[in-house]
């Protein structure tokens, strides 16, 4: 789930930037330090959006910088096991698809796509379900469930997020539209036979 948060931190303003607009410098420093980073409690920092308050500055002996207590607003993504989330297919391979969840990519293994046998069409860069002929291609929007979650605060790129779309209500937009259409037809058939 995405969260807009109000956070506090101490920010170091380097001496060479002391003549600039203080709020803009602090915003730059926070964006550089936090965006793309992971904190297990806060989540994945997407953006630091604005500085709300700057406290008194403190000098530290031996350091020409000034340290400010700052209140700021940030946007983060905090994932939870079994959470349903939407993403975008950014790559397909013979072993699955990579799904962009915004600030981070997750893995949708072929075994988690469907109960059907899946083939990889390398020429068209897509995965195809053998019986239903449904496919997943780069650019498809998907609704998926988080089934494994291992976030690495030190090396965010080494984080591992596993997804599934084997349950009803999950899949590509086209799959979900087909399911809805089939459900309506079934409902009409049941209602019309009475």
N, C-alpha and C. Protein backbone atom coordinates (compact mmCIF):
# COMPACT_ATOMS: atom_id res chain seq x y z
N UNK A 1 0.84 -1.16 0.00
CA UNK A 1 0.00 0.00 0.00
C UNK A 1 0.89 1.24 0.00
N UNK A 2 0.42 2.26 -0.66
CA UNK A 2 1.15 3.52 -0.72
C UNK A 2 0.73 4.41 0.45
N UNK A 3 1.72 5.10 1.04
CA UNK A 3 1.46 5.96 2.18
C UNK A 3 2.11 7.32 1.98
N UNK A 4 1.37 8.36 2.37
CA UNK A 4 1.96 9.69 2.47
C UNK A 4 2.24 9.89 3.95
N UNK A 5 3.50 10.15 4.28
CA UNK A 5 3.92 10.17 5.66
C UNK A 5 4.53 11.50 6.06
N UNK A 6 4.37 11.83 7.31
CA UNK A 6 5.02 12.99 7.91
C UNK A 6 6.13 12.43 8.81
N UNK A 7 7.37 12.76 8.50
CA UNK A 7 8.52 12.19 9.18
C UNK A 7 9.43 13.27 9.74
N UNK A 8 10.27 12.88 10.69
CA UNK A 8 11.27 13.79 11.26
C UNK A 8 12.64 13.17 11.11
N UNK A 9 13.65 14.02 10.88
CA UNK A 9 15.02 13.54 10.77
C UNK A 9 15.97 14.70 11.01
N UNK A 10 17.22 14.39 11.23
CA UNK A 10 18.27 15.40 11.34
C UNK A 10 18.98 15.41 10.00
N UNK A 11 19.11 16.59 9.41
CA UNK A 11 19.68 16.70 8.07
C UNK A 11 20.95 17.55 8.11
N UNK A 12 22.00 17.01 7.49
CA UNK A 12 23.28 17.71 7.40
C UNK A 12 23.30 18.57 6.14
N UNK A 13 23.46 19.89 6.34
CA UNK A 13 23.60 20.81 5.21
C UNK A 13 25.09 21.11 5.06
N UNK A 14 25.70 20.69 3.93
CA UNK A 14 27.14 20.87 3.75
C UNK A 14 27.52 22.35 3.66
N UNK A 15 28.75 22.68 4.08
CA UNK A 15 29.16 24.09 4.11
C UNK A 15 29.08 24.82 2.77
N UNK A 16 29.36 24.11 1.67
CA UNK A 16 29.34 24.77 0.35
C UNK A 16 27.93 25.15 -0.11
N UNK A 17 26.88 24.68 0.61
CA UNK A 17 25.50 25.00 0.21
C UNK A 17 24.82 25.95 1.19
N UNK A 18 25.57 26.49 2.15
CA UNK A 18 24.97 27.33 3.19
C UNK A 18 24.42 28.66 2.67
N UNK A 19 24.86 29.15 1.54
CA UNK A 19 24.36 30.41 0.99
C UNK A 19 23.08 30.26 0.17
N UNK A 20 22.66 29.02 -0.07
CA UNK A 20 21.47 28.76 -0.89
C UNK A 20 20.20 28.76 -0.04
N UNK A 21 19.04 28.68 -0.73
CA UNK A 21 17.76 28.59 -0.04
C UNK A 21 17.75 27.34 0.82
N UNK A 22 17.59 27.51 2.13
CA UNK A 22 17.73 26.42 3.09
C UNK A 22 16.74 25.29 2.85
N UNK A 23 15.46 25.61 2.64
CA UNK A 23 14.46 24.56 2.43
C UNK A 23 14.74 23.75 1.17
N UNK A 24 15.18 24.41 0.10
CA UNK A 24 15.50 23.69 -1.14
C UNK A 24 16.71 22.78 -0.97
N UNK A 25 17.72 23.27 -0.23
CA UNK A 25 18.91 22.46 0.03
C UNK A 25 18.52 21.23 0.85
N UNK A 26 17.71 21.42 1.89
CA UNK A 26 17.28 20.30 2.73
C UNK A 26 16.46 19.31 1.92
N UNK A 27 15.57 19.81 1.07
CA UNK A 27 14.77 18.93 0.21
C UNK A 27 15.70 18.11 -0.70
N UNK A 28 16.69 18.76 -1.31
CA UNK A 28 17.66 18.06 -2.18
C UNK A 28 18.39 16.96 -1.41
N UNK A 29 18.87 17.30 -0.20
CA UNK A 29 19.62 16.34 0.61
C UNK A 29 18.74 15.14 0.97
N UNK A 30 17.52 15.41 1.42
CA UNK A 30 16.59 14.32 1.77
C UNK A 30 16.27 13.44 0.57
N UNK A 31 16.00 14.07 -0.58
CA UNK A 31 15.69 13.30 -1.78
C UNK A 31 16.86 12.41 -2.18
N UNK A 32 18.07 12.96 -2.12
CA UNK A 32 19.25 12.19 -2.49
C UNK A 32 19.49 11.03 -1.52
N UNK A 33 19.28 11.26 -0.24
CA UNK A 33 19.54 10.22 0.76
C UNK A 33 18.46 9.15 0.82
N UNK A 34 17.19 9.55 0.65
CA UNK A 34 16.10 8.62 0.94
C UNK A 34 15.44 7.97 -0.27
N UNK A 35 15.26 8.70 -1.36
CA UNK A 35 14.50 8.15 -2.49
C UNK A 35 15.18 6.90 -3.04
N UNK A 36 14.40 5.82 -3.12
CA UNK A 36 14.90 4.53 -3.59
C UNK A 36 15.45 3.66 -2.48
N UNK A 37 15.54 4.21 -1.26
CA UNK A 37 16.04 3.42 -0.14
C UNK A 37 14.90 2.65 0.52
N UNK A 38 15.27 1.71 1.37
CA UNK A 38 14.28 0.88 2.06
C UNK A 38 14.50 0.97 3.56
N UNK A 39 13.41 1.12 4.27
CA UNK A 39 13.39 1.05 5.73
C UNK A 39 12.33 0.02 6.07
N UNK A 40 12.68 -1.00 6.86
CA UNK A 40 11.74 -2.09 7.11
C UNK A 40 10.43 -1.62 7.73
N UNK A 41 10.46 -0.56 8.54
CA UNK A 41 9.24 -0.07 9.17
C UNK A 41 8.47 0.89 8.27
N UNK A 42 9.19 1.74 7.54
CA UNK A 42 8.54 2.77 6.72
C UNK A 42 8.19 2.23 5.34
N UNK A 43 9.06 1.39 4.78
CA UNK A 43 8.83 0.84 3.46
C UNK A 43 9.86 1.33 2.47
N UNK A 44 9.48 1.37 1.21
CA UNK A 44 10.35 1.80 0.12
C UNK A 44 10.05 3.27 -0.14
N UNK A 45 11.05 4.13 0.05
CA UNK A 45 10.84 5.56 -0.18
C UNK A 45 10.71 5.82 -1.68
N UNK A 46 9.59 6.41 -2.06
CA UNK A 46 9.36 6.75 -3.46
C UNK A 46 9.80 8.18 -3.71
N UNK A 47 9.35 9.10 -2.84
CA UNK A 47 9.68 10.51 -3.03
C UNK A 47 9.57 11.26 -1.72
N UNK A 48 10.47 12.23 -1.55
CA UNK A 48 10.33 13.21 -0.49
C UNK A 48 9.67 14.40 -1.19
N UNK A 49 8.46 14.75 -0.75
CA UNK A 49 7.67 15.72 -1.51
C UNK A 49 7.83 17.17 -1.05
N UNK A 50 7.98 17.38 0.27
CA UNK A 50 8.19 18.76 0.72
C UNK A 50 8.69 18.80 2.15
N UNK A 51 9.33 19.92 2.46
CA UNK A 51 9.82 20.19 3.81
C UNK A 51 8.73 20.99 4.52
N UNK A 52 8.32 20.51 5.70
CA UNK A 52 7.25 21.17 6.45
C UNK A 52 7.77 22.13 7.51
N UNK A 53 8.90 21.76 8.15
CA UNK A 53 9.44 22.60 9.22
C UNK A 53 10.93 22.36 9.36
N UNK A 54 11.67 23.46 9.60
CA UNK A 54 13.11 23.39 9.82
C UNK A 54 13.38 23.99 11.19
N UNK A 55 13.99 23.20 12.08
CA UNK A 55 14.31 23.68 13.42
C UNK A 55 15.62 24.45 13.44
N UNK A 56 16.07 24.73 14.66
CA UNK A 56 17.34 25.43 14.84
C UNK A 56 18.49 24.55 14.34
N UNK A 57 19.51 25.19 13.78
CA UNK A 57 20.68 24.45 13.32
C UNK A 57 21.68 24.23 14.44
N UNK A 58 22.44 23.15 14.34
CA UNK A 58 23.49 22.84 15.32
C UNK A 58 24.81 22.69 14.60
N UNK A 59 25.85 23.23 15.19
CA UNK A 59 27.21 23.05 14.69
C UNK A 59 27.84 21.89 15.43
N UNK A 60 28.60 21.09 14.73
CA UNK A 60 29.34 20.00 15.33
C UNK A 60 30.82 20.33 15.18
N UNK A 61 31.57 20.39 16.31
CA UNK A 61 33.00 20.71 16.21
C UNK A 61 33.73 19.80 15.23
N UNK A 62 34.55 20.40 14.38
CA UNK A 62 35.32 19.64 13.41
C UNK A 62 34.60 19.41 12.09
N UNK A 63 33.33 19.84 12.00
CA UNK A 63 32.55 19.68 10.77
C UNK A 63 31.99 21.05 10.42
N UNK A 64 32.22 21.53 9.23
CA UNK A 64 31.75 22.86 8.83
C UNK A 64 30.27 22.90 8.47
N UNK A 65 29.61 21.75 8.51
CA UNK A 65 28.19 21.69 8.14
C UNK A 65 27.32 22.09 9.33
N UNK A 66 26.05 22.34 9.03
CA UNK A 66 25.06 22.62 10.06
C UNK A 66 24.01 21.52 9.99
N UNK A 67 23.61 21.01 11.16
CA UNK A 67 22.63 19.93 11.27
C UNK A 67 21.30 20.51 11.73
N UNK A 68 20.25 20.25 10.96
CA UNK A 68 18.93 20.78 11.26
C UNK A 68 17.95 19.64 11.57
N UNK A 69 17.11 19.86 12.59
CA UNK A 69 15.98 18.97 12.83
C UNK A 69 14.90 19.37 11.84
N UNK A 70 14.42 18.41 11.06
CA UNK A 70 13.51 18.71 9.96
C UNK A 70 12.27 17.82 10.03
N UNK A 71 11.12 18.41 9.75
CA UNK A 71 9.88 17.66 9.57
C UNK A 71 9.56 17.74 8.08
N UNK A 72 9.29 16.58 7.46
CA UNK A 72 9.06 16.57 6.02
C UNK A 72 7.99 15.55 5.67
N UNK A 73 7.52 15.64 4.43
CA UNK A 73 6.51 14.74 3.92
C UNK A 73 7.15 13.84 2.86
N UNK A 74 6.79 12.56 2.91
CA UNK A 74 7.35 11.60 1.94
C UNK A 74 6.26 10.62 1.51
N UNK A 75 6.47 10.02 0.35
CA UNK A 75 5.59 9.00 -0.18
C UNK A 75 6.36 7.69 -0.16
N UNK A 76 5.72 6.63 0.39
CA UNK A 76 6.41 5.34 0.45
C UNK A 76 5.46 4.21 0.05
N UNK A 77 6.07 3.10 -0.29
CA UNK A 77 5.33 1.87 -0.60
C UNK A 77 5.69 0.86 0.47
N UNK A 78 4.70 0.42 1.23
CA UNK A 78 4.92 -0.59 2.26
C UNK A 78 4.13 -1.83 1.86
N UNK A 79 4.85 -2.87 1.47
CA UNK A 79 4.22 -4.11 1.03
C UNK A 79 4.02 -5.05 2.21
N UNK A 80 2.99 -5.89 2.11
CA UNK A 80 2.72 -6.90 3.12
C UNK A 80 2.42 -8.22 2.42
N UNK A 81 2.75 -9.32 3.07
CA UNK A 81 2.42 -10.63 2.51
C UNK A 81 0.91 -10.74 2.30
N UNK A 82 0.52 -11.34 1.22
CA UNK A 82 -0.87 -11.56 0.80
C UNK A 82 -1.57 -10.30 0.31
N UNK A 83 -0.87 -9.18 0.24
CA UNK A 83 -1.46 -7.95 -0.27
C UNK A 83 -1.68 -8.07 -1.78
N UNK A 84 -2.81 -7.56 -2.24
CA UNK A 84 -3.09 -7.52 -3.68
C UNK A 84 -2.68 -6.14 -4.16
N UNK A 85 -1.91 -6.12 -5.24
CA UNK A 85 -1.38 -4.86 -5.76
C UNK A 85 -1.37 -4.92 -7.29
N UNK A 86 -1.42 -3.77 -7.92
CA UNK A 86 -1.37 -3.72 -9.38
C UNK A 86 0.01 -3.26 -9.82
N UNK A 87 0.45 -3.78 -10.96
CA UNK A 87 1.76 -3.43 -11.49
C UNK A 87 1.75 -3.51 -13.00
N UNK A 88 2.93 -3.33 -13.57
CA UNK A 88 3.11 -3.31 -15.01
C UNK A 88 4.20 -4.31 -15.39
N UNK A 89 3.92 -5.15 -16.39
CA UNK A 89 4.92 -6.12 -16.85
C UNK A 89 6.01 -5.35 -17.59
N UNK A 90 7.26 -5.48 -17.10
CA UNK A 90 8.37 -4.77 -17.71
C UNK A 90 9.32 -5.70 -18.45
N UNK A 91 9.21 -7.02 -18.18
CA UNK A 91 10.06 -7.98 -18.88
C UNK A 91 9.44 -9.37 -18.76
N UNK A 92 9.57 -10.15 -19.83
CA UNK A 92 9.16 -11.56 -19.77
C UNK A 92 10.36 -12.41 -20.14
N UNK A 93 10.45 -13.58 -19.49
CA UNK A 93 11.53 -14.53 -19.76
C UNK A 93 10.93 -15.92 -19.77
N UNK A 94 11.73 -16.91 -20.03
CA UNK A 94 11.26 -18.28 -20.03
C UNK A 94 10.84 -18.77 -18.65
N UNK A 95 11.30 -18.10 -17.60
CA UNK A 95 10.95 -18.55 -16.25
C UNK A 95 9.92 -17.66 -15.56
N UNK A 96 9.46 -16.58 -16.24
CA UNK A 96 8.43 -15.74 -15.65
C UNK A 96 8.46 -14.32 -16.16
N UNK A 97 7.82 -13.45 -15.38
CA UNK A 97 7.74 -12.03 -15.75
C UNK A 97 8.22 -11.17 -14.60
N UNK A 98 8.78 -10.03 -14.93
CA UNK A 98 9.15 -9.04 -13.93
C UNK A 98 8.08 -7.96 -13.96
N UNK A 99 7.56 -7.64 -12.78
CA UNK A 99 6.46 -6.70 -12.65
C UNK A 99 6.95 -5.47 -11.90
N UNK A 100 6.78 -4.31 -12.50
CA UNK A 100 7.12 -3.06 -11.83
C UNK A 100 5.99 -2.68 -10.88
N UNK A 101 6.34 -2.48 -9.62
CA UNK A 101 5.37 -2.05 -8.62
C UNK A 101 5.56 -0.56 -8.32
N UNK A 102 6.26 0.12 -9.21
CA UNK A 102 6.58 1.54 -9.01
C UNK A 102 8.06 1.67 -8.72
N UNK A 103 8.43 1.75 -7.44
CA UNK A 103 9.83 1.95 -7.11
C UNK A 103 10.67 0.67 -7.13
N UNK A 104 10.03 -0.48 -7.31
CA UNK A 104 10.76 -1.74 -7.24
C UNK A 104 10.08 -2.76 -8.16
N UNK A 105 10.89 -3.70 -8.68
CA UNK A 105 10.34 -4.76 -9.52
C UNK A 105 10.19 -6.04 -8.70
N UNK A 106 9.22 -6.85 -9.06
CA UNK A 106 8.96 -8.11 -8.38
C UNK A 106 8.90 -9.22 -9.43
N UNK A 107 9.04 -10.46 -8.95
CA UNK A 107 9.08 -11.61 -9.85
C UNK A 107 7.76 -12.39 -9.81
N UNK A 108 7.23 -12.65 -10.99
CA UNK A 108 6.06 -13.52 -11.16
C UNK A 108 6.55 -14.76 -11.90
N UNK A 109 6.82 -15.83 -11.15
CA UNK A 109 7.36 -17.06 -11.73
C UNK A 109 6.26 -17.76 -12.56
N UNK A 110 6.67 -18.49 -13.60
CA UNK A 110 5.69 -19.16 -14.46
C UNK A 110 4.77 -20.08 -13.67
N UNK A 111 5.27 -20.68 -12.60
CA UNK A 111 4.44 -21.58 -11.80
C UNK A 111 3.35 -20.83 -11.04
N UNK A 112 3.47 -19.51 -10.96
CA UNK A 112 2.49 -18.70 -10.23
C UNK A 112 1.55 -17.92 -11.16
N UNK A 113 1.62 -18.20 -12.45
CA UNK A 113 0.77 -17.49 -13.41
C UNK A 113 -0.57 -18.19 -13.57
N UNK A 114 -0.54 -19.50 -13.75
CA UNK A 114 -1.76 -20.25 -14.03
C UNK A 114 -1.54 -21.73 -13.71
N UNK A 115 -2.63 -22.46 -13.59
CA UNK A 115 -2.54 -23.92 -13.42
C UNK A 115 -2.20 -24.59 -14.75
N UNK A 116 -2.34 -23.85 -15.83
CA UNK A 116 -2.08 -24.40 -17.17
C UNK A 116 -0.58 -24.48 -17.45
N UNK A 117 -0.23 -25.27 -18.47
CA UNK A 117 1.15 -25.31 -18.94
C UNK A 117 1.43 -23.98 -19.64
N UNK A 118 2.59 -23.39 -19.37
CA UNK A 118 2.95 -22.07 -19.93
C UNK A 118 4.13 -22.23 -20.88
N UNK A 119 4.03 -21.62 -22.05
CA UNK A 119 5.15 -21.60 -22.99
C UNK A 119 5.64 -20.17 -23.15
N UNK A 120 6.92 -20.05 -23.50
CA UNK A 120 7.52 -18.73 -23.71
C UNK A 120 7.69 -18.50 -25.20
N UNK A 121 7.04 -17.47 -25.71
CA UNK A 121 7.16 -17.07 -27.11
C UNK A 121 8.25 -16.00 -27.17
N UNK A 122 9.49 -16.45 -27.41
CA UNK A 122 10.64 -15.54 -27.38
C UNK A 122 10.55 -14.47 -28.47
N UNK A 123 10.05 -14.85 -29.63
CA UNK A 123 9.96 -13.91 -30.75
C UNK A 123 9.06 -12.71 -30.40
N UNK A 124 7.91 -12.99 -29.76
CA UNK A 124 6.97 -11.92 -29.40
C UNK A 124 7.10 -11.50 -27.94
N UNK A 125 8.08 -12.08 -27.23
CA UNK A 125 8.38 -11.70 -25.85
C UNK A 125 7.15 -11.79 -24.95
N UNK A 126 6.52 -12.98 -24.94
CA UNK A 126 5.32 -13.15 -24.11
C UNK A 126 5.22 -14.59 -23.62
N UNK A 127 4.46 -14.75 -22.55
CA UNK A 127 4.18 -16.07 -21.97
C UNK A 127 2.74 -16.42 -22.33
N UNK A 128 2.51 -17.68 -22.75
CA UNK A 128 1.19 -18.08 -23.23
C UNK A 128 0.72 -19.32 -22.47
N UNK A 129 -0.53 -19.24 -21.98
CA UNK A 129 -1.17 -20.40 -21.33
C UNK A 129 -1.65 -21.33 -22.44
N UNK A 130 -1.27 -22.61 -22.35
CA UNK A 130 -1.52 -23.56 -23.44
C UNK A 130 -3.01 -23.77 -23.75
N UNK A 131 -3.85 -24.02 -22.73
CA UNK A 131 -5.25 -24.36 -22.99
C UNK A 131 -6.12 -23.15 -23.32
N UNK A 132 -5.99 -22.09 -22.54
CA UNK A 132 -6.87 -20.92 -22.72
C UNK A 132 -6.33 -19.92 -23.73
N UNK A 133 -5.04 -20.05 -24.07
CA UNK A 133 -4.37 -19.14 -25.00
C UNK A 133 -4.23 -17.72 -24.43
N UNK A 134 -4.43 -17.57 -23.12
CA UNK A 134 -4.19 -16.26 -22.49
C UNK A 134 -2.69 -16.00 -22.51
N UNK A 135 -2.33 -14.71 -22.55
CA UNK A 135 -0.90 -14.40 -22.60
C UNK A 135 -0.56 -13.21 -21.70
N UNK A 136 0.73 -13.11 -21.42
CA UNK A 136 1.28 -11.99 -20.65
C UNK A 136 2.42 -11.41 -21.46
N UNK A 137 2.34 -10.10 -21.72
CA UNK A 137 3.36 -9.43 -22.52
C UNK A 137 3.85 -8.18 -21.81
N UNK A 138 5.01 -7.70 -22.25
CA UNK A 138 5.54 -6.44 -21.72
C UNK A 138 4.51 -5.35 -21.99
N UNK A 139 4.25 -4.54 -20.98
CA UNK A 139 3.28 -3.45 -21.09
C UNK A 139 1.91 -3.79 -20.52
N UNK A 140 1.65 -5.08 -20.25
CA UNK A 140 0.35 -5.48 -19.66
C UNK A 140 0.27 -5.01 -18.21
N UNK A 141 -0.90 -4.50 -17.84
CA UNK A 141 -1.17 -4.20 -16.43
C UNK A 141 -1.69 -5.49 -15.80
N UNK A 142 -1.21 -5.76 -14.58
CA UNK A 142 -1.61 -6.98 -13.89
C UNK A 142 -2.02 -6.69 -12.45
N UNK A 143 -2.93 -7.52 -11.94
CA UNK A 143 -3.29 -7.51 -10.52
C UNK A 143 -2.72 -8.80 -9.95
N UNK A 144 -1.87 -8.66 -8.92
CA UNK A 144 -1.14 -9.79 -8.36
C UNK A 144 -1.21 -9.77 -6.83
N UNK A 145 -0.83 -10.90 -6.23
CA UNK A 145 -0.76 -11.00 -4.76
C UNK A 145 0.70 -11.24 -4.36
N UNK A 146 1.14 -10.56 -3.30
CA UNK A 146 2.50 -10.73 -2.79
C UNK A 146 2.55 -12.02 -1.97
N UNK A 147 3.44 -12.96 -2.37
CA UNK A 147 3.54 -14.24 -1.66
C UNK A 147 4.88 -14.44 -0.95
N UNK A 148 5.92 -13.74 -1.38
CA UNK A 148 7.19 -13.74 -0.67
C UNK A 148 7.72 -12.32 -0.63
N UNK A 149 8.37 -12.00 0.48
CA UNK A 149 8.83 -10.62 0.67
C UNK A 149 10.12 -10.64 1.47
N UNK A 150 11.21 -10.24 0.84
CA UNK A 150 12.51 -10.17 1.50
C UNK A 150 13.16 -8.86 1.07
N UNK A 151 12.98 -7.82 1.89
CA UNK A 151 13.53 -6.50 1.57
C UNK A 151 14.91 -6.35 2.18
N UNK A 152 15.85 -5.82 1.40
CA UNK A 152 17.22 -5.63 1.84
C UNK A 152 17.48 -4.13 1.99
N UNK A 153 17.57 -3.65 3.24
CA UNK A 153 17.76 -2.22 3.50
C UNK A 153 19.10 -1.72 2.97
N UNK A 154 20.14 -2.54 3.09
CA UNK A 154 21.48 -2.11 2.67
C UNK A 154 21.65 -2.09 1.16
N UNK A 155 21.08 -3.08 0.50
CA UNK A 155 21.17 -3.17 -0.96
C UNK A 155 19.77 -3.37 -1.53
N UNK A 156 19.01 -2.27 -1.70
CA UNK A 156 17.62 -2.40 -2.18
C UNK A 156 17.48 -3.22 -3.46
N UNK A 157 18.48 -3.19 -4.33
CA UNK A 157 18.40 -3.95 -5.59
C UNK A 157 18.42 -5.46 -5.36
N UNK A 158 18.90 -5.88 -4.18
CA UNK A 158 18.95 -7.30 -3.85
C UNK A 158 17.66 -7.78 -3.18
N UNK A 159 16.68 -6.91 -3.03
CA UNK A 159 15.40 -7.30 -2.43
C UNK A 159 14.69 -8.29 -3.35
N UNK A 160 13.93 -9.19 -2.74
CA UNK A 160 13.22 -10.21 -3.52
C UNK A 160 11.73 -10.17 -3.14
N UNK A 161 10.91 -10.00 -4.15
CA UNK A 161 9.46 -9.98 -3.95
C UNK A 161 8.87 -10.98 -4.93
N UNK A 162 8.15 -11.96 -4.40
CA UNK A 162 7.52 -12.98 -5.24
C UNK A 162 6.02 -12.74 -5.31
N UNK A 163 5.47 -12.95 -6.49
CA UNK A 163 4.05 -12.68 -6.75
C UNK A 163 3.33 -13.91 -7.27
N UNK A 164 2.01 -13.89 -7.15
CA UNK A 164 1.18 -14.91 -7.78
C UNK A 164 -0.03 -14.24 -8.41
N UNK A 165 -0.60 -14.91 -9.41
CA UNK A 165 -1.88 -14.47 -9.96
C UNK A 165 -2.73 -15.69 -10.32
N UNK A 166 -2.56 -16.75 -9.53
CA UNK A 166 -3.29 -18.00 -9.77
C UNK A 166 -4.71 -17.99 -9.22
N UNK A 167 -5.03 -17.09 -8.32
CA UNK A 167 -6.38 -17.06 -7.75
C UNK A 167 -7.34 -16.24 -8.62
N UNK A 168 -8.62 -16.48 -8.42
CA UNK A 168 -9.66 -15.71 -9.10
C UNK A 168 -9.53 -14.24 -8.70
N UNK A 169 -9.74 -13.37 -9.65
CA UNK A 169 -9.65 -11.93 -9.38
C UNK A 169 -8.26 -11.37 -9.59
N UNK A 170 -7.32 -12.22 -9.98
CA UNK A 170 -5.96 -11.79 -10.27
C UNK A 170 -5.65 -12.09 -11.73
N UNK A 171 -4.75 -11.33 -12.32
CA UNK A 171 -4.36 -11.56 -13.71
C UNK A 171 -4.15 -10.26 -14.45
N UNK A 172 -4.02 -10.36 -15.75
CA UNK A 172 -3.89 -9.16 -16.58
C UNK A 172 -5.25 -8.48 -16.69
N UNK A 173 -5.26 -7.23 -17.10
CA UNK A 173 -6.53 -6.53 -17.29
C UNK A 173 -7.44 -7.30 -18.25
N UNK A 174 -6.86 -7.85 -19.32
CA UNK A 174 -7.65 -8.60 -20.31
C UNK A 174 -8.25 -9.86 -19.67
N UNK A 175 -7.49 -10.55 -18.84
CA UNK A 175 -7.99 -11.75 -18.17
C UNK A 175 -9.14 -11.39 -17.25
N UNK A 176 -8.98 -10.30 -16.51
CA UNK A 176 -10.02 -9.89 -15.56
C UNK A 176 -11.30 -9.48 -16.29
N UNK A 177 -11.15 -8.81 -17.44
CA UNK A 177 -12.33 -8.44 -18.24
C UNK A 177 -13.04 -9.69 -18.75
N UNK A 178 -12.27 -10.69 -19.20
CA UNK A 178 -12.85 -11.96 -19.66
C UNK A 178 -13.62 -12.65 -18.53
N UNK A 179 -13.03 -12.67 -17.32
CA UNK A 179 -13.68 -13.29 -16.17
C UNK A 179 -14.99 -12.59 -15.84
N UNK A 180 -14.98 -11.26 -15.88
CA UNK A 180 -16.18 -10.48 -15.58
C UNK A 180 -17.26 -10.74 -16.63
N UNK A 181 -16.87 -10.77 -17.89
CA UNK A 181 -17.81 -11.05 -18.98
C UNK A 181 -18.42 -12.44 -18.82
N UNK A 182 -17.59 -13.44 -18.50
CA UNK A 182 -18.07 -14.81 -18.31
C UNK A 182 -19.02 -14.88 -17.11
N UNK A 183 -18.69 -14.17 -16.06
CA UNK A 183 -19.55 -14.15 -14.87
C UNK A 183 -20.93 -13.56 -15.19
N UNK A 184 -20.95 -12.48 -15.98
CA UNK A 184 -22.22 -11.85 -16.38
C UNK A 184 -23.05 -12.80 -17.25
N UNK A 185 -22.37 -13.47 -18.19
CA UNK A 185 -23.08 -14.41 -19.06
C UNK A 185 -23.67 -15.56 -18.25
N UNK A 186 -22.89 -16.09 -17.30
CA UNK A 186 -23.37 -17.17 -16.44
C UNK A 186 -24.58 -16.72 -15.62
N UNK A 187 -24.52 -15.50 -15.11
CA UNK A 187 -25.60 -14.94 -14.31
C UNK A 187 -26.87 -14.77 -15.15
N UNK A 188 -26.71 -14.30 -16.38
CA UNK A 188 -27.85 -14.14 -17.30
C UNK A 188 -28.47 -15.50 -17.64
N UNK A 189 -27.61 -16.48 -17.87
CA UNK A 189 -28.09 -17.83 -18.17
C UNK A 189 -28.89 -18.41 -17.00
N UNK A 190 -28.39 -18.23 -15.80
CA UNK A 190 -29.08 -18.74 -14.61
C UNK A 190 -30.38 -17.99 -14.40
N UNK A 191 -30.36 -16.67 -14.60
CA UNK A 191 -31.57 -15.86 -14.42
C UNK A 191 -32.60 -16.11 -15.51
N UNK A 192 -32.14 -16.39 -16.73
CA UNK A 192 -33.05 -16.59 -17.86
C UNK A 192 -33.71 -17.96 -17.86
N UNK A 193 -33.15 -18.93 -17.13
CA UNK A 193 -33.69 -20.28 -17.13
C UNK A 193 -34.74 -20.51 -16.08
N UNK A 194 -35.10 -19.49 -15.30
CA UNK A 194 -36.08 -19.67 -14.23
C UNK A 194 -37.49 -19.52 -14.69
